[in-house]
Amino acid sequence: MALRSRLFAGVPELEACLVQDSAHLTPGVTGDHVRLVQTALVYLGFRTISGPEYIAGSYGPTTAARVLEYKTQRKIINVSYQTKPDNIVGKMTIKRLDEEMLIFQNLPAPTKV
């Protein structure tokens, strides 16, 4: 299985996140792939990621808070070992973000009135 949204498809770090526990995104990670996750969160309504974190592509405190909020709202929990969501972008989270971005990218463009 591969990521399918235009935002994530073909990005090696995010493709790895989908299949490898060691590739999960956690606080402290930096890179363009983090910025893509931040972009997805903003598109999906989680708009309060700090400017410096976004510019640096840094998985800092506001990114971690938005990930936790996203996972809490969508009840993304690995019930085999969790009782509540965490702030990590792992397999389940990147899959759900990708699915939502695929839907988002395929929405019809607004028509002018």
PDB file of N, CA and C in Angstrom:
ATOM      1  N   MET A   1       0.841  -1.170   0.000  1.00  0.00           N
ATOM      2  CA  MET A   1       0.000   0.000   0.000  1.00  0.00           C
ATOM      3  C   MET A   1       0.892   1.241   0.000  1.00  0.00           C
ATOM      4  N   ALA A   2       0.530   2.207  -0.794  1.00  0.00           N
ATOM      5  CA  ALA A   2       1.295   3.444  -0.893  1.00  0.00           C
ATOM      6  C   ALA A   2       0.366   4.626  -0.624  1.00  0.00           C
ATOM      7  N   LEU A   3       0.961   5.735  -0.280  1.00  0.00           N
ATOM      8  CA  LEU A   3       0.191   6.957  -0.096  1.00  0.00           C
ATOM      9  C   LEU A   3      -0.298   7.436  -1.461  1.00  0.00           C
ATOM     10  N   ARG A   4      -1.497   8.021  -1.497  1.00  0.00           N
ATOM     11  CA  ARG A   4      -2.111   8.359  -2.784  1.00  0.00           C
ATOM     12  C   ARG A   4      -2.401   9.840  -2.993  1.00  0.00           C
ATOM     13  N   SER A   5      -2.406  10.632  -1.938  1.00  0.00           N
ATOM     14  CA  SER A   5      -2.716  12.053  -2.137  1.00  0.00           C
ATOM     15  C   SER A   5      -1.537  12.744  -2.819  1.00  0.00           C
ATOM     16  N   ARG A   6      -1.837  13.802  -3.562  1.00  0.00           N
ATOM     17  CA  ARG A   6      -0.766  14.554  -4.226  1.00  0.00           C
ATOM     18  C   ARG A   6       0.222  15.113  -3.216  1.00  0.00           C
ATOM     19  N   LEU A   7      -0.250  15.450  -2.039  1.00  0.00           N
ATOM     20  CA  LEU A   7       0.611  16.051  -1.025  1.00  0.00           C
ATOM     21  C   LEU A   7       1.649  15.058  -0.490  1.00  0.00           C
ATOM     22  N   PHE A   8       1.276  13.791  -0.336  1.00  0.00           N
ATOM     23  CA  PHE A   8       2.134  12.812   0.328  1.00  0.00           C
ATOM     24  C   PHE A   8       2.746  11.754  -0.581  1.00  0.00           C
ATOM     25  N   ALA A   9       2.102  11.437  -1.687  1.00  0.00           N
ATOM     26  CA  ALA A   9       2.552  10.319  -2.536  1.00  0.00           C
ATOM     27  C   ALA A   9       3.988  10.522  -3.007  1.00  0.00           C
ATOM     28  N   GLY A  10       4.786   9.485  -2.866  1.00  0.00           N
ATOM     29  CA  GLY A  10       6.152   9.518  -3.359  1.00  0.00           C
ATOM     30  C   GLY A  10       7.161  10.191  -2.445  1.00  0.00           C
ATOM     31  N   VAL A  11       6.732  10.674  -1.284  1.00  0.00           N
ATOM     32  CA  VAL A  11       7.663  11.290  -0.333  1.00  0.00           C
ATOM     33  C   VAL A  11       8.239  10.157   0.521  1.00  0.00           C
ATOM     34  N   PRO A  12       9.517   9.850   0.345  1.00  0.00           N
ATOM     35  CA  PRO A  12      10.089   8.652   0.988  1.00  0.00           C
ATOM     36  C   PRO A  12       9.868   8.578   2.498  1.00  0.00           C
ATOM     37  N   GLU A  13      10.036   9.689   3.202  1.00  0.00           N
ATOM     38  CA  GLU A  13       9.877   9.671   4.658  1.00  0.00           C
ATOM     39  C   GLU A  13       8.440   9.363   5.064  1.00  0.00           C
ATOM     40  N   LEU A  14       7.475   9.869   4.295  1.00  0.00           N
ATOM     41  CA  LEU A  14       6.073   9.619   4.623  1.00  0.00           C
ATOM     42  C   LEU A  14       5.633   8.233   4.176  1.00  0.00           C
ATOM     43  N   GLU A  15       6.152   7.777   3.051  1.00  0.00           N
ATOM     44  CA  GLU A  15       5.874   6.401   2.615  1.00  0.00           C
ATOM     45  C   GLU A  15       6.418   5.420   3.650  1.00  0.00           C
ATOM     46  N   ALA A  16       7.605   5.702   4.193  1.00  0.00           N
ATOM     47  CA  ALA A  16       8.191   4.840   5.222  1.00  0.00           C
ATOM     48  C   ALA A  16       7.348   4.878   6.494  1.00  0.00           C
ATOM     49  N   CYS A  17       6.825   6.039   6.833  1.00  0.00           N
ATOM     50  CA  CYS A  17       5.993   6.195   8.024  1.00  0.00           C
ATOM     51  C   CYS A  17       4.771   5.281   7.957  1.00  0.00           C
ATOM     52  N   LEU A  18       4.297   5.027   6.764  1.00  0.00           N
ATOM     53  CA  LEU A  18       3.120   4.181   6.558  1.00  0.00           C
ATOM     54  C   LEU A  18       3.396   2.719   6.893  1.00  0.00           C
ATOM     55  N   VAL A  19       4.650   2.291   6.825  1.00  0.00           N
ATOM     56  CA  VAL A  19       4.946   0.864   6.980  1.00  0.00           C
ATOM     57  C   VAL A  19       5.987   0.519   8.045  1.00  0.00           C
ATOM     58  N   GLN A  20       6.717   1.510   8.568  1.00  0.00           N
ATOM     59  CA  GLN A  20       7.797   1.234   9.519  1.00  0.00           C
ATOM     60  C   GLN A  20       7.611   2.013  10.810  1.00  0.00           C
ATOM     61  N   ASP A  21       7.603   1.324  11.929  1.00  0.00           N
ATOM     62  CA  ASP A  21       7.503   2.010  13.213  1.00  0.00           C
ATOM     63  C   ASP A  21       8.663   2.973  13.421  1.00  0.00           C
ATOM     64  N   SER A  22       9.833   2.608  12.975  1.00  0.00           N
ATOM     65  CA  SER A  22      11.012   3.459  13.173  1.00  0.00           C
ATOM     66  C   SER A  22      10.944   4.757  12.370  1.00  0.00           C
ATOM     67  N   ALA A  23      10.019   4.859  11.434  1.00  0.00           N
ATOM     68  CA  ALA A  23       9.887   6.056  10.602  1.00  0.00           C
ATOM     69  C   ALA A  23       8.773   6.985  11.081  1.00  0.00           C
ATOM     70  N   HIS A  24       8.156   6.679  12.205  1.00  0.00           N
ATOM     71  CA  HIS A  24       7.105   7.549  12.727  1.00  0.00           C
ATOM     72  C   HIS A  24       7.641   8.954  12.958  1.00  0.00           C
ATOM     73  N   LEU A  25       6.769   9.939  12.816  1.00  0.00           N
ATOM     74  CA  LEU A  25       7.143  11.332  13.053  1.00  0.00           C
ATOM     75  C   LEU A  25       6.846  11.668  14.510  1.00  0.00           C
ATOM     76  N   THR A  26       7.858  12.152  15.185  1.00  0.00           N
ATOM     77  CA  THR A  26       7.744  12.467  16.600  1.00  0.00           C
ATOM     78  C   THR A  26       8.296  13.867  16.862  1.00  0.00           C
ATOM     79  N   PRO A  27       7.936  14.461  17.999  1.00  0.00           N
ATOM     80  CA  PRO A  27       8.488  15.773  18.315  1.00  0.00           C
ATOM     81  C   PRO A  27      10.013  15.773  18.209  1.00  0.00           C
ATOM     82  N   GLY A  28      10.523  16.835  17.581  1.00  0.00           N
ATOM     83  CA  GLY A  28      11.959  16.986  17.383  1.00  0.00           C
ATOM     84  C   GLY A  28      12.414  16.688  15.964  1.00  0.00           C
ATOM     85  N   VAL A  29      11.597  15.959  15.207  1.00  0.00           N
ATOM     86  CA  VAL A  29      11.939  15.640  13.816  1.00  0.00           C
ATOM     87  C   VAL A  29      11.808  16.912  12.980  1.00  0.00           C
ATOM     88  N   THR A  30      12.674  17.079  11.987  1.00  0.00           N
ATOM     89  CA  THR A  30      12.576  18.223  11.081  1.00  0.00           C
ATOM     90  C   THR A  30      12.722  17.749   9.643  1.00  0.00           C
ATOM     91  N   GLY A  31      12.188  18.538   8.732  1.00  0.00           N
ATOM     92  CA  GLY A  31      12.344  18.255   7.313  1.00  0.00           C
ATOM     93  C   GLY A  31      11.132  18.682   6.513  1.00  0.00           C
ATOM     94  N   ASP A  32      11.280  18.642   5.213  1.00  0.00           N
ATOM     95  CA  ASP A  32      10.180  19.015   4.327  1.00  0.00           C
ATOM     96  C   ASP A  32       8.965  18.110   4.531  1.00  0.00           C
ATOM     97  N   HIS A  33       9.200  16.841   4.863  1.00  0.00           N
ATOM     98  CA  HIS A  33       8.086  15.915   5.079  1.00  0.00           C
ATOM     99  C   HIS A  33       7.245  16.334   6.293  1.00  0.00           C
ATOM    100  N   VAL A  34       7.875  16.925   7.304  1.00  0.00           N
ATOM    101  CA  VAL A  34       7.122  17.439   8.454  1.00  0.00           C
ATOM    102  C   VAL A  34       6.252  18.600   7.995  1.00  0.00           C
ATOM    103  N   ARG A  35       6.813  19.469   7.170  1.00  0.00           N
ATOM    104  CA  ARG A  35       6.036  20.610   6.653  1.00  0.00           C
ATOM    105  C   ARG A  35       4.818  20.135   5.857  1.00  0.00           C
ATOM    106  N   LEU A  36       4.943  19.031   5.131  1.00  0.00           N
ATOM    107  CA  LEU A  36       3.796  18.500   4.393  1.00  0.00           C
ATOM    108  C   LEU A  36       2.692  18.042   5.345  1.00  0.00           C
ATOM    109  N   VAL A  37       3.061  17.403   6.437  1.00  0.00           N
ATOM    110  CA  VAL A  37       2.069  17.001   7.439  1.00  0.00           C
ATOM    111  C   VAL A  37       1.439  18.247   8.058  1.00  0.00           C
ATOM    112  N   GLN A  38       2.243  19.252   8.351  1.00  0.00           N
ATOM    113  CA  GLN A  38       1.711  20.505   8.887  1.00  0.00           C
ATOM    114  C   GLN A  38       0.729  21.133   7.896  1.00  0.00           C
ATOM    115  N   THR A  39       1.076  21.118   6.624  1.00  0.00           N
ATOM    116  CA  THR A  39       0.197  21.664   5.584  1.00  0.00           C
ATOM    117  C   THR A  39      -1.129  20.926   5.567  1.00  0.00           C
ATOM    118  N   ALA A  40      -1.089  19.607   5.641  1.00  0.00           N
ATOM    119  CA  ALA A  40      -2.325  18.818   5.665  1.00  0.00           C
ATOM    120  C   ALA A  40      -3.178  19.197   6.874  1.00  0.00           C
ATOM    121  N   LEU A  41      -2.558  19.329   8.021  1.00  0.00           N
ATOM    122  CA  LEU A  41      -3.312  19.697   9.221  1.00  0.00           C
ATOM    123  C   LEU A  41      -3.982  21.061   9.052  1.00  0.00           C
ATOM    124  N   VAL A  42      -3.268  22.009   8.458  1.00  0.00           N
ATOM    125  CA  VAL A  42      -3.847  23.333   8.222  1.00  0.00           C
ATOM    126  C   VAL A  42      -5.029  23.230   7.257  1.00  0.00           C
ATOM    127  N   TYR A  43      -4.863  22.515   6.157  1.00  0.00           N
ATOM    128  CA  TYR A  43      -5.967  22.335   5.207  1.00  0.00           C
ATOM    129  C   TYR A  43      -7.185  21.708   5.867  1.00  0.00           C
ATOM    130  N   LEU A  44      -6.952  20.830   6.829  1.00  0.00           N
ATOM    131  CA  LEU A  44      -8.042  20.117   7.487  1.00  0.00           C
ATOM    132  C   LEU A  44      -8.608  20.869   8.694  1.00  0.00           C
ATOM    133  N   GLY A  45      -8.148  22.108   8.905  1.00  0.00           N
ATOM    134  CA  GLY A  45      -8.756  22.961   9.913  1.00  0.00           C
ATOM    135  C   GLY A  45      -7.964  23.142  11.190  1.00  0.00           C
ATOM    136  N   PHE A  46      -6.793  22.559  11.291  1.00  0.00           N
ATOM    137  CA  PHE A  46      -5.960  22.680  12.492  1.00  0.00           C
ATOM    138  C   PHE A  46      -4.916  23.758  12.223  1.00  0.00           C
ATOM    139  N   ARG A  47      -5.316  25.006  12.311  1.00  0.00           N
ATOM    140  CA  ARG A  47      -4.585  26.136  11.751  1.00  0.00           C
ATOM    141  C   ARG A  47      -3.572  26.806  12.673  1.00  0.00           C
ATOM    142  N   THR A  48      -3.402  26.356  13.875  1.00  0.00           N
ATOM    143  CA  THR A  48      -2.556  27.112  14.796  1.00  0.00           C
ATOM    144  C   THR A  48      -1.180  26.474  14.997  1.00  0.00           C
ATOM    145  N   ILE A  49      -0.513  26.166  13.907  1.00  0.00           N
ATOM    146  CA  ILE A  49       0.877  25.728  13.960  1.00  0.00           C
ATOM    147  C   ILE A  49       1.728  26.993  13.870  1.00  0.00           C
ATOM    148  N   SER A  50       2.703  27.125  14.741  1.00  0.00           N
ATOM    149  CA  SER A  50       3.478  28.368  14.775  1.00  0.00           C
ATOM    150  C   SER A  50       4.258  28.566  13.474  1.00  0.00           C
ATOM    151  N   GLY A  51       4.388  29.832  13.098  1.00  0.00           N
ATOM    152  CA  GLY A  51       5.129  30.185  11.888  1.00  0.00           C
ATOM    153  C   GLY A  51       6.554  29.669  11.884  1.00  0.00           C
ATOM    154  N   PRO A  52       7.309  29.875  12.976  1.00  0.00           N
ATOM    155  CA  PRO A  52       8.686  29.377  12.988  1.00  0.00           C
ATOM    156  C   PRO A  52       8.784  27.859  12.825  1.00  0.00           C
ATOM    157  N   GLU A  53       7.856  27.112  13.433  1.00  0.00           N
ATOM    158  CA  GLU A  53       7.870  25.649  13.250  1.00  0.00           C
ATOM    159  C   GLU A  53       7.623  25.295  11.791  1.00  0.00           C
ATOM    160  N   TYR A  54       6.640  25.963  11.194  1.00  0.00           N
ATOM    161  CA  TYR A  54       6.307  25.672   9.804  1.00  0.00           C
ATOM    162  C   TYR A  54       7.477  26.010   8.879  1.00  0.00           C
ATOM    163  N   ILE A  55       8.046  27.175   9.055  1.00  0.00           N
ATOM    164  CA  ILE A  55       9.165  27.602   8.203  1.00  0.00           C
ATOM    165  C   ILE A  55      10.332  26.632   8.316  1.00  0.00           C
ATOM    166  N   ALA A  56      10.610  26.161   9.528  1.00  0.00           N
ATOM    167  CA  ALA A  56      11.734  25.246   9.752  1.00  0.00           C
ATOM    168  C   ALA A  56      11.392  23.793   9.434  1.00  0.00           C
ATOM    169  N   GLY A  57      10.093  23.503   9.205  1.00  0.00           N
ATOM    170  CA  GLY A  57       9.690  22.115   9.022  1.00  0.00           C
ATOM    171  C   GLY A  57       9.972  21.312  10.280  1.00  0.00           C
ATOM    172  N   SER A  58       9.734  21.932  11.415  1.00  0.00           N
ATOM    173  CA  SER A  58      10.074  21.347  12.709  1.00  0.00           C
ATOM    174  C   SER A  58       8.824  20.808  13.412  1.00  0.00           C
ATOM    175  N   TYR A  59       8.932  19.580  13.889  1.00  0.00           N
ATOM    176  CA  TYR A  59       7.845  18.967  14.655  1.00  0.00           C
ATOM    177  C   TYR A  59       7.986  19.441  16.099  1.00  0.00           C
ATOM    178  N   GLY A  60       7.522  20.665  16.325  1.00  0.00           N
ATOM    179  CA  GLY A  60       7.646  21.291  17.633  1.00  0.00           C
ATOM    180  C   GLY A  60       6.360  21.180  18.435  1.00  0.00           C
ATOM    181  N   PRO A  61       6.251  21.985  19.492  1.00  0.00           N
ATOM    182  CA  PRO A  61       5.112  21.875  20.400  1.00  0.00           C
ATOM    183  C   PRO A  61       3.753  22.153  19.766  1.00  0.00           C
ATOM    184  N   THR A  62       3.668  23.135  18.873  1.00  0.00           N
ATOM    185  CA  THR A  62       2.345  23.404  18.289  1.00  0.00           C
ATOM    186  C   THR A  62       1.967  22.331  17.279  1.00  0.00           C
ATOM    187  N   THR A  63       2.931  21.780  16.573  1.00  0.00           N
ATOM    188  CA  THR A  63       2.639  20.672  15.658  1.00  0.00           C
ATOM    189  C   THR A  63       2.183  19.462  16.459  1.00  0.00           C
ATOM    190  N   ALA A  64       2.893  19.154  17.527  1.00  0.00           N
ATOM    191  CA  ALA A  64       2.513  18.016  18.379  1.00  0.00           C
ATOM    192  C   ALA A  64       1.106  18.201  18.936  1.00  0.00           C
ATOM    193  N   ALA A  65       0.773  19.411  19.337  1.00  0.00           N
ATOM    194  CA  ALA A  65      -0.563  19.695  19.873  1.00  0.00           C
ATOM    195  C   ALA A  65      -1.638  19.524  18.809  1.00  0.00           C
ATOM    196  N   ARG A  66      -1.356  19.962  17.579  1.00  0.00           N
ATOM    197  CA  ARG A  66      -2.341  19.817  16.504  1.00  0.00           C
ATOM    198  C   ARG A  66      -2.516  18.342  16.127  1.00  0.00           C
ATOM    199  N   VAL A  67      -1.415  17.587  16.112  1.00  0.00           N
ATOM    200  CA  VAL A  67      -1.509  16.149  15.815  1.00  0.00           C
ATOM    201  C   VAL A  67      -2.363  15.473  16.880  1.00  0.00           C
ATOM    202  N   LEU A  68      -2.129  15.789  18.134  1.00  0.00           N
ATOM    203  CA  LEU A  68      -2.919  15.206  19.214  1.00  0.00           C
ATOM    204  C   LEU A  68      -4.392  15.583  19.077  1.00  0.00           C
ATOM    205  N   GLU A  69      -4.656  16.833  18.750  1.00  0.00           N
ATOM    206  CA  GLU A  69      -6.036  17.285  18.553  1.00  0.00           C
ATOM    207  C   GLU A  69      -6.689  16.534  17.388  1.00  0.00           C
ATOM    208  N   TYR A  70      -5.970  16.415  16.280  1.00  0.00           N
ATOM    209  CA  TYR A  70      -6.463  15.684  15.110  1.00  0.00           C
ATOM    210  C   TYR A  70      -6.802  14.239  15.489  1.00  0.00           C
ATOM    211  N   LYS A  71      -5.879  13.572  16.155  1.00  0.00           N
ATOM    212  CA  LYS A  71      -6.074  12.174  16.522  1.00  0.00           C
ATOM    213  C   LYS A  71      -7.197  12.010  17.550  1.00  0.00           C
ATOM    214  N   THR A  72      -7.325  12.965  18.448  1.00  0.00           N
ATOM    215  CA  THR A  72      -8.392  12.910  19.447  1.00  0.00           C
ATOM    216  C   THR A  72      -9.748  13.054  18.767  1.00  0.00           C
ATOM    217  N   GLN A  73      -9.896  14.027  17.879  1.00  0.00           N
ATOM    218  CA  GLN A  73     -11.168  14.240  17.187  1.00  0.00           C
ATOM    219  C   GLN A  73     -11.572  13.039  16.340  1.00  0.00           C
ATOM    220  N   ARG A  74     -10.591  12.352  15.779  1.00  0.00           N
ATOM    221  CA  ARG A  74     -10.884  11.227  14.889  1.00  0.00           C
ATOM    222  C   ARG A  74     -10.751   9.872  15.580  1.00  0.00           C
ATOM    223  N   LYS A  75     -10.463   9.915  16.866  1.00  0.00           N
ATOM    224  CA  LYS A  75     -10.343   8.689  17.667  1.00  0.00           C
ATOM    225  C   LYS A  75      -9.328   7.710  17.066  1.00  0.00           C
ATOM    226  N   ILE A  76      -8.166   8.241  16.700  1.00  0.00           N
ATOM    227  CA  ILE A  76      -7.090   7.410  16.155  1.00  0.00           C
ATOM    228  C   ILE A  76      -6.259   6.909  17.332  1.00  0.00           C
ATOM    229  N   ILE A  77      -6.523   5.658  17.691  1.00  0.00           N
ATOM    230  CA  ILE A  77      -5.889   5.027  18.846  1.00  0.00           C
ATOM    231  C   ILE A  77      -5.566   3.588  18.468  1.00  0.00           C
ATOM    232  N   ASN A  78      -4.362   3.159  18.738  1.00  0.00           N
ATOM    233  CA  ASN A  78      -4.016   1.751  18.541  1.00  0.00           C
ATOM    234  C   ASN A  78      -4.411   1.029  19.825  1.00  0.00           C
ATOM    235  N   VAL A  79      -5.592   0.407  19.801  1.00  0.00           N
ATOM    236  CA  VAL A  79      -6.156  -0.180  21.015  1.00  0.00           C
ATOM    237  C   VAL A  79      -5.359  -1.373  21.533  1.00  0.00           C
ATOM    238  N   SER A  80      -4.413  -1.871  20.744  1.00  0.00           N
ATOM    239  CA  SER A  80      -3.606  -2.988  21.224  1.00  0.00           C
ATOM    240  C   SER A  80      -2.659  -2.553  22.349  1.00  0.00           C
ATOM    241  N   TYR A  81      -2.361  -1.238  22.439  1.00  0.00           N
ATOM    242  CA  TYR A  81      -1.482  -0.787  23.513  1.00  0.00           C
ATOM    243  C   TYR A  81      -1.790   0.622  24.025  1.00  0.00           C
ATOM    244  N   GLN A  82      -2.837   1.264  23.522  1.00  0.00           N
ATOM    245  CA  GLN A  82      -3.153   2.632  23.938  1.00  0.00           C
ATOM    246  C   GLN A  82      -4.566   2.714  24.491  1.00  0.00           C
ATOM    247  N   THR A  83      -4.762   3.672  25.390  1.00  0.00           N
ATOM    248  CA  THR A  83      -6.108   3.972  25.871  1.00  0.00           C
ATOM    249  C   THR A  83      -6.536   5.374  25.463  1.00  0.00           C
ATOM    250  N   LYS A  84      -5.575   6.169  24.966  1.00  0.00           N
ATOM    251  CA  LYS A  84      -5.876   7.519  24.495  1.00  0.00           C
ATOM    252  C   LYS A  84      -4.878   7.872  23.391  1.00  0.00           C
ATOM    253  N   PRO A  85      -5.221   8.858  22.550  1.00  0.00           N
ATOM    254  CA  PRO A  85      -4.323   9.254  21.457  1.00  0.00           C
ATOM    255  C   PRO A  85      -3.018   9.842  21.969  1.00  0.00           C
ATOM    256  N   ASP A  86      -1.985   9.762  21.123  1.00  0.00           N
ATOM    257  CA  ASP A  86      -0.705  10.401  21.417  1.00  0.00           C
ATOM    258  C   ASP A  86      -0.422  11.445  20.340  1.00  0.00           C
ATOM    259  N   ASN A  87       0.742  12.076  20.385  1.00  0.00           N
ATOM    260  CA  ASN A  87       1.062  13.145  19.431  1.00  0.00           C
ATOM    261  C   ASN A  87       2.049  12.683  18.357  1.00  0.00           C
ATOM    262  N   ILE A  88       2.042  11.398  18.067  1.00  0.00           N
ATOM    263  CA  ILE A  88       2.950  10.815  17.084  1.00  0.00           C
ATOM    264  C   ILE A  88       2.196  10.565  15.776  1.00  0.00           C
ATOM    265  N   VAL A  89       2.847  10.863  14.653  1.00  0.00           N
ATOM    266  CA  VAL A  89       2.285  10.503  13.348  1.00  0.00           C
ATOM    267  C   VAL A  89       2.881   9.147  12.990  1.00  0.00           C
ATOM    268  N   GLY A  90       2.070   8.124  13.177  1.00  0.00           N
ATOM    269  CA  GLY A  90       2.470   6.769  12.855  1.00  0.00           C
ATOM    270  C   GLY A  90       1.665   6.235  11.678  1.00  0.00           C
ATOM    271  N   LYS A  91       1.628   4.934  11.570  1.00  0.00           N
ATOM    272  CA  LYS A  91       0.978   4.280  10.431  1.00  0.00           C
ATOM    273  C   LYS A  91      -0.491   4.669  10.286  1.00  0.00           C
ATOM    274  N   MET A  92      -1.235   4.573  11.384  1.00  0.00           N
ATOM    275  CA  MET A  92      -2.670   4.870  11.322  1.00  0.00           C
ATOM    276  C   MET A  92      -2.922   6.348  11.009  1.00  0.00           C
ATOM    277  N   THR A  93      -2.106   7.209  11.578  1.00  0.00           N
ATOM    278  CA  THR A  93      -2.311   8.651  11.405  1.00  0.00           C
ATOM    279  C   THR A  93      -1.955   9.099   9.995  1.00  0.00           C
ATOM    280  N   ILE A  94      -0.830   8.642   9.459  1.00  0.00           N
ATOM    281  CA  ILE A  94      -0.454   9.068   8.104  1.00  0.00           C
ATOM    282  C   ILE A  94      -1.440   8.512   7.083  1.00  0.00           C
ATOM    283  N   LYS A  95      -1.946   7.313   7.330  1.00  0.00           N
ATOM    284  CA  LYS A  95      -2.948   6.721   6.432  1.00  0.00           C
ATOM    285  C   LYS A  95      -4.222   7.569   6.430  1.00  0.00           C
ATOM    286  N   ARG A  96      -4.667   7.963   7.614  1.00  0.00           N
ATOM    287  CA  ARG A  96      -5.890   8.769   7.712  1.00  0.00           C
ATOM    288  C   ARG A  96      -5.688  10.162   7.118  1.00  0.00           C
ATOM    289  N   LEU A  97      -4.549  10.783   7.405  1.00  0.00           N
ATOM    290  CA  LEU A  97      -4.258  12.089   6.798  1.00  0.00           C
ATOM    291  C   LEU A  97      -4.251  11.986   5.278  1.00  0.00           C
ATOM    292  N   ASP A  98      -3.633  10.937   4.754  1.00  0.00           N
ATOM    293  CA  ASP A  98      -3.573  10.743   3.305  1.00  0.00           C
ATOM    294  C   ASP A  98      -4.971  10.564   2.724  1.00  0.00           C
ATOM    295  N   GLU A  99      -5.796   9.761   3.374  1.00  0.00           N
ATOM    296  CA  GLU A  99      -7.168   9.549   2.895  1.00  0.00           C
ATOM    297  C   GLU A  99      -7.941  10.862   2.871  1.00  0.00           C
ATOM    298  N   GLU A 100      -7.798  11.656   3.921  1.00  0.00           N
ATOM    299  CA  GLU A 100      -8.517  12.931   3.980  1.00  0.00           C
ATOM    300  C   GLU A 100      -7.983  13.924   2.958  1.00  0.00           C
ATOM    301  N   MET A 101      -6.680  13.930   2.727  1.00  0.00           N
ATOM    302  CA  MET A 101      -6.125  14.830   1.717  1.00  0.00           C
ATOM    303  C   MET A 101      -6.535  14.392   0.314  1.00  0.00           C
ATOM    304  N   LEU A 102      -6.693  13.105   0.080  1.00  0.00           N
ATOM    305  CA  LEU A 102      -7.169  12.611  -1.206  1.00  0.00           C
ATOM    306  C   LEU A 102      -8.589  13.117  -1.466  1.00  0.00           C
ATOM    307  N   ILE A 103      -9.420  13.072  -0.454  1.00  0.00           N
ATOM    308  CA  ILE A 103     -10.783  13.611  -0.572  1.00  0.00           C
ATOM    309  C   ILE A 103     -10.726  15.116  -0.800  1.00  0.00           C
ATOM    310  N   PHE A 104      -9.918  15.804   0.000  1.00  0.00           N
ATOM    311  CA  PHE A 104      -9.791  17.258  -0.102  1.00  0.00           C
ATOM    312  C   PHE A 104      -9.355  17.687  -1.495  1.00  0.00           C
ATOM    313  N   GLN A 105      -8.354  17.007  -2.056  1.00  0.00           N
ATOM    314  CA  GLN A 105      -7.832  17.413  -3.367  1.00  0.00           C
ATOM    315  C   GLN A 105      -8.844  17.160  -4.485  1.00  0.00           C
ATOM    316  N   ASN A 106      -9.806  16.280  -4.249  1.00  0.00           N
ATOM    317  CA  ASN A 106     -10.780  15.953  -5.283  1.00  0.00           C
ATOM    318  C   ASN A 106     -12.098  16.703  -5.137  1.00  0.00           C
ATOM    319  N   LEU A 107     -12.176  17.611  -4.170  1.00  0.00           N
ATOM    320  CA  LEU A 107     -13.380  18.428  -4.041  1.00  0.00           C
ATOM    321  C   LEU A 107     -13.484  19.347  -5.252  1.00  0.00           C
ATOM    322  N   PRO A 108     -14.699  19.588  -5.717  1.00  0.00           N
ATOM    323  CA  PRO A 108     -14.831  20.506  -6.850  1.00  0.00           C
ATOM    324  C   PRO A 108     -14.414  21.925  -6.453  1.00  0.00           C
ATOM    325  N   ALA A 109     -13.852  22.622  -7.413  1.00  0.00           N
ATOM    326  CA  ALA A 109     -13.466  24.015  -7.174  1.00  0.00           C
ATOM    327  C   ALA A 109     -14.720  24.838  -6.954  1.00  0.00           C
ATOM    328  N   PRO A 110     -14.655  25.825  -6.064  1.00  0.00           N
ATOM    329  CA  PRO A 110     -15.821  26.674  -5.841  1.00  0.00           C
ATOM    330  C   PRO A 110     -16.183  27.435  -7.112  1.00  0.00           C
ATOM    331  N   THR A 111     -17.457  27.603  -7.304  1.00  0.00           N
ATOM    332  CA  THR A 111     -17.915  28.365  -8.473  1.00  0.00           C
ATOM    333  C   THR A 111     -18.117  29.806  -8.070  1.00  0.00           C
ATOM    334  N   LYS A 112     -17.840  30.695  -9.006  1.00  0.00           N
ATOM    335  CA  LYS A 112     -18.019  32.121  -8.746  1.00  0.00           C
ATOM    336  C   LYS A 112     -19.503  32.463  -8.857  1.00  0.00           C
ATOM    337  N   VAL A 113     -19.944  33.296  -7.951  1.00  0.00           N
ATOM    338  CA  VAL A 113     -21.359  33.700  -7.940  1.00  0.00           C
ATOM    339  C   VAL A 113     -21.481  35.093  -8.461  1.00  0.00           C
TER     340      VAL A 113
END
